[in-house]
Amino acid sequence: QVQLVESGGGLVQAGGSLRLSCAASVRTFSSYAMGWFRQAPGKEREFVAAISWSGGNTYYADSVKGRFTISRDNAKNTVYLQMNSLKPEDTAVYYCAAGFKLERRMDLSLNYDYWGQGTQVTVSS
């Protein structure tokens, strides 16, 4: 079945950058919308960014818009999250998710079918 593996997390100072990667073990990667979510200790999981399977449209939470960029390389079955100008409040476990032919409300975690194990991002002040 579909398996997602995140990588690229780590410790970075405020203002720095990280690029997260999510590799998917699926032959029909282009049929899945891909999203990034994050969860900080004691807080609810929140939407970060998503990219459509059908048209390459991207969506971002207001909190990361202008700082984060989501992209995908269908030839490599990989989705990326480039994170710039990181802030301490970005500290969280970041999860990638795949939604089969998902086109609407990609900001809702319940609409996704598969999830990765998460990668820790820590931003120090």
Protein backbone atom coordinates (compact mmCIF):
# COMPACT_ATOMS: atom_id res chain seq x y z
CA GLN A 1 0.00 0.00 0.00
CA VAL A 2 1.00 3.64 -0.07
CA GLN A 3 3.83 4.50 2.26
CA LEU A 4 5.10 7.99 2.98
CA VAL A 5 8.46 8.79 4.54
CA GLU A 6 9.38 12.31 5.61
CA SER A 7 12.92 13.57 5.96
CA GLY A 8 14.81 16.83 6.30
CA GLY A 9 13.72 17.92 9.73
CA GLY A 10 16.14 19.18 12.33
CA LEU A 11 17.22 22.06 14.50
CA VAL A 12 17.55 25.49 12.97
CA GLN A 13 17.84 29.03 14.29
CA ALA A 14 15.09 31.56 13.76
CA GLY A 15 15.36 33.08 10.32
CA GLY A 16 16.93 29.97 8.88
CA SER A 17 15.66 27.53 6.30
CA LEU A 18 14.89 23.85 5.96
CA ARG A 19 13.59 21.71 3.15
CA LEU A 20 11.41 18.76 4.03
CA SER A 21 10.97 15.86 1.67
CA CYS A 22 8.31 13.18 1.54
CA ALA A 23 8.95 10.11 -0.57
CA ALA A 24 5.94 8.04 -1.58
CA SER A 25 6.03 4.36 -2.47
CA VAL A 26 3.25 4.39 -5.02
CA ARG A 27 3.18 4.00 -8.79
CA THR A 28 0.32 6.45 -9.32
CA PHE A 29 1.82 9.31 -7.35
CA SER A 30 0.35 11.88 -9.73
CA SER A 31 -3.15 10.74 -8.75
CA TYR A 32 -2.69 11.99 -5.19
CA ALA A 33 -2.97 15.44 -3.79
CA MET A 34 -0.21 15.93 -1.27
CA GLY A 35 -0.35 17.94 1.90
CA TRP A 36 1.81 18.98 4.80
CA PHE A 37 0.46 19.25 8.33
CA ARG A 38 2.13 19.94 11.63
CA GLN A 39 1.45 19.37 15.28
CA ALA A 40 3.14 21.08 18.20
CA PRO A 41 3.06 19.65 21.73
CA GLY A 42 -0.28 20.31 23.38
CA LYS A 43 -1.81 21.67 20.19
CA GLU A 44 -4.09 20.36 17.49
CA ARG A 45 -2.77 19.21 14.16
CA GLU A 46 -2.93 22.08 11.69
CA PHE A 47 -2.78 22.46 7.96
CA VAL A 48 0.39 23.90 6.47
CA ALA A 49 0.33 23.50 2.69
CA ALA A 50 -1.07 21.33 -0.07
CA ILE A 51 -0.59 20.73 -3.77
CA SER A 52 -3.20 19.29 -6.09
CA TRP A 53 -2.90 16.11 -8.15
CA SER A 54 -4.88 17.40 -11.12
CA GLY A 55 -3.59 20.88 -11.83
CA GLY A 56 -0.59 21.66 -9.70
CA ASN A 57 -2.42 24.28 -7.65
CA THR A 58 -0.98 25.11 -4.28
CA TYR A 59 -2.57 26.20 -1.03
CA TYR A 60 -1.07 27.57 2.15
CA ALA A 61 -2.08 28.37 5.67
CA ASP A 62 -1.99 32.09 6.34
CA SER A 63 0.65 31.54 8.98
CA VAL A 64 3.18 30.25 6.43
CA LYS A 65 2.15 32.03 3.25
CA GLY A 66 5.09 33.86 1.72
CA ARG A 67 7.61 31.83 3.72
CA PHE A 68 6.91 28.22 2.75
CA THR A 69 6.71 26.69 -0.71
CA ILE A 70 5.26 23.29 -1.53
CA SER A 71 6.27 21.50 -4.70
CA ARG A 72 6.22 18.02 -6.14
CA ASP A 73 8.32 15.98 -8.51
CA ASN A 74 6.10 13.26 -9.89
CA ALA A 75 9.02 11.57 -11.62
CA LYS A 76 10.60 11.06 -8.19
CA ASN A 77 7.37 10.41 -6.28
CA THR A 78 8.38 13.15 -3.89
CA VAL A 79 6.77 16.23 -2.41
CA TYR A 80 8.82 19.01 -0.84
CA LEU A 81 8.24 21.77 1.64
CA GLN A 82 10.76 24.57 1.42
CA MET A 83 10.63 26.52 4.66
CA ASN A 84 12.28 29.93 4.81
CA SER A 85 12.36 32.62 7.48
CA LEU A 86 11.55 30.06 10.13
CA LYS A 87 10.09 31.21 13.42
CA PRO A 88 10.01 29.51 16.83
CA GLU A 89 6.27 29.03 16.42
CA ASP A 90 7.01 26.79 13.43
CA THR A 91 8.39 24.20 15.83
CA ALA A 92 6.36 21.02 15.43
CA VAL A 93 6.31 17.53 14.05
CA TYR A 94 5.63 17.84 10.35
CA TYR A 95 3.61 15.17 8.56
CA CYS A 96 3.05 14.61 4.89
CA ALA A 97 -0.22 13.17 3.70
CA ALA A 98 -1.64 11.78 0.47
CA GLY A 99 -5.23 12.09 -0.71
CA PHE A 100 -6.33 9.99 -3.67
CA LYS A 101 -7.75 12.32 -6.33
CA LEU A 102 -8.44 14.87 -3.64
CA GLU A 103 -9.46 18.18 -5.18
CA ARG A 104 -11.41 20.12 -2.58
CA ARG A 105 -10.74 21.13 1.01
CA MET A 106 -7.17 19.93 1.00
CA ASP A 107 -6.74 21.80 4.27
CA LEU A 108 -8.75 19.15 6.14
CA SER A 109 -6.71 16.28 7.54
CA LEU A 110 -9.71 13.94 7.47
CA ASN A 111 -9.73 14.12 3.68
CA TYR A 112 -6.36 12.40 3.38
CA ASP A 113 -5.90 8.66 3.04
CA TYR A 114 -2.27 8.07 4.01
CA TRP A 115 0.16 9.65 6.43
CA GLY A 116 3.87 9.61 7.03
CA GLN A 117 5.52 9.07 10.40
CA GLY A 118 6.47 12.71 10.82
CA THR A 119 9.72 14.61 11.10
CA GLN A 120 10.65 16.98 13.90
CA VAL A 121 11.36 20.62 13.11
CA THR A 122 12.73 22.72 15.94
CA VAL A 123 13.34 26.44 15.53
CA SER A 124 15.35 28.13 18.26
CA SER A 125 15.19 31.82 19.05
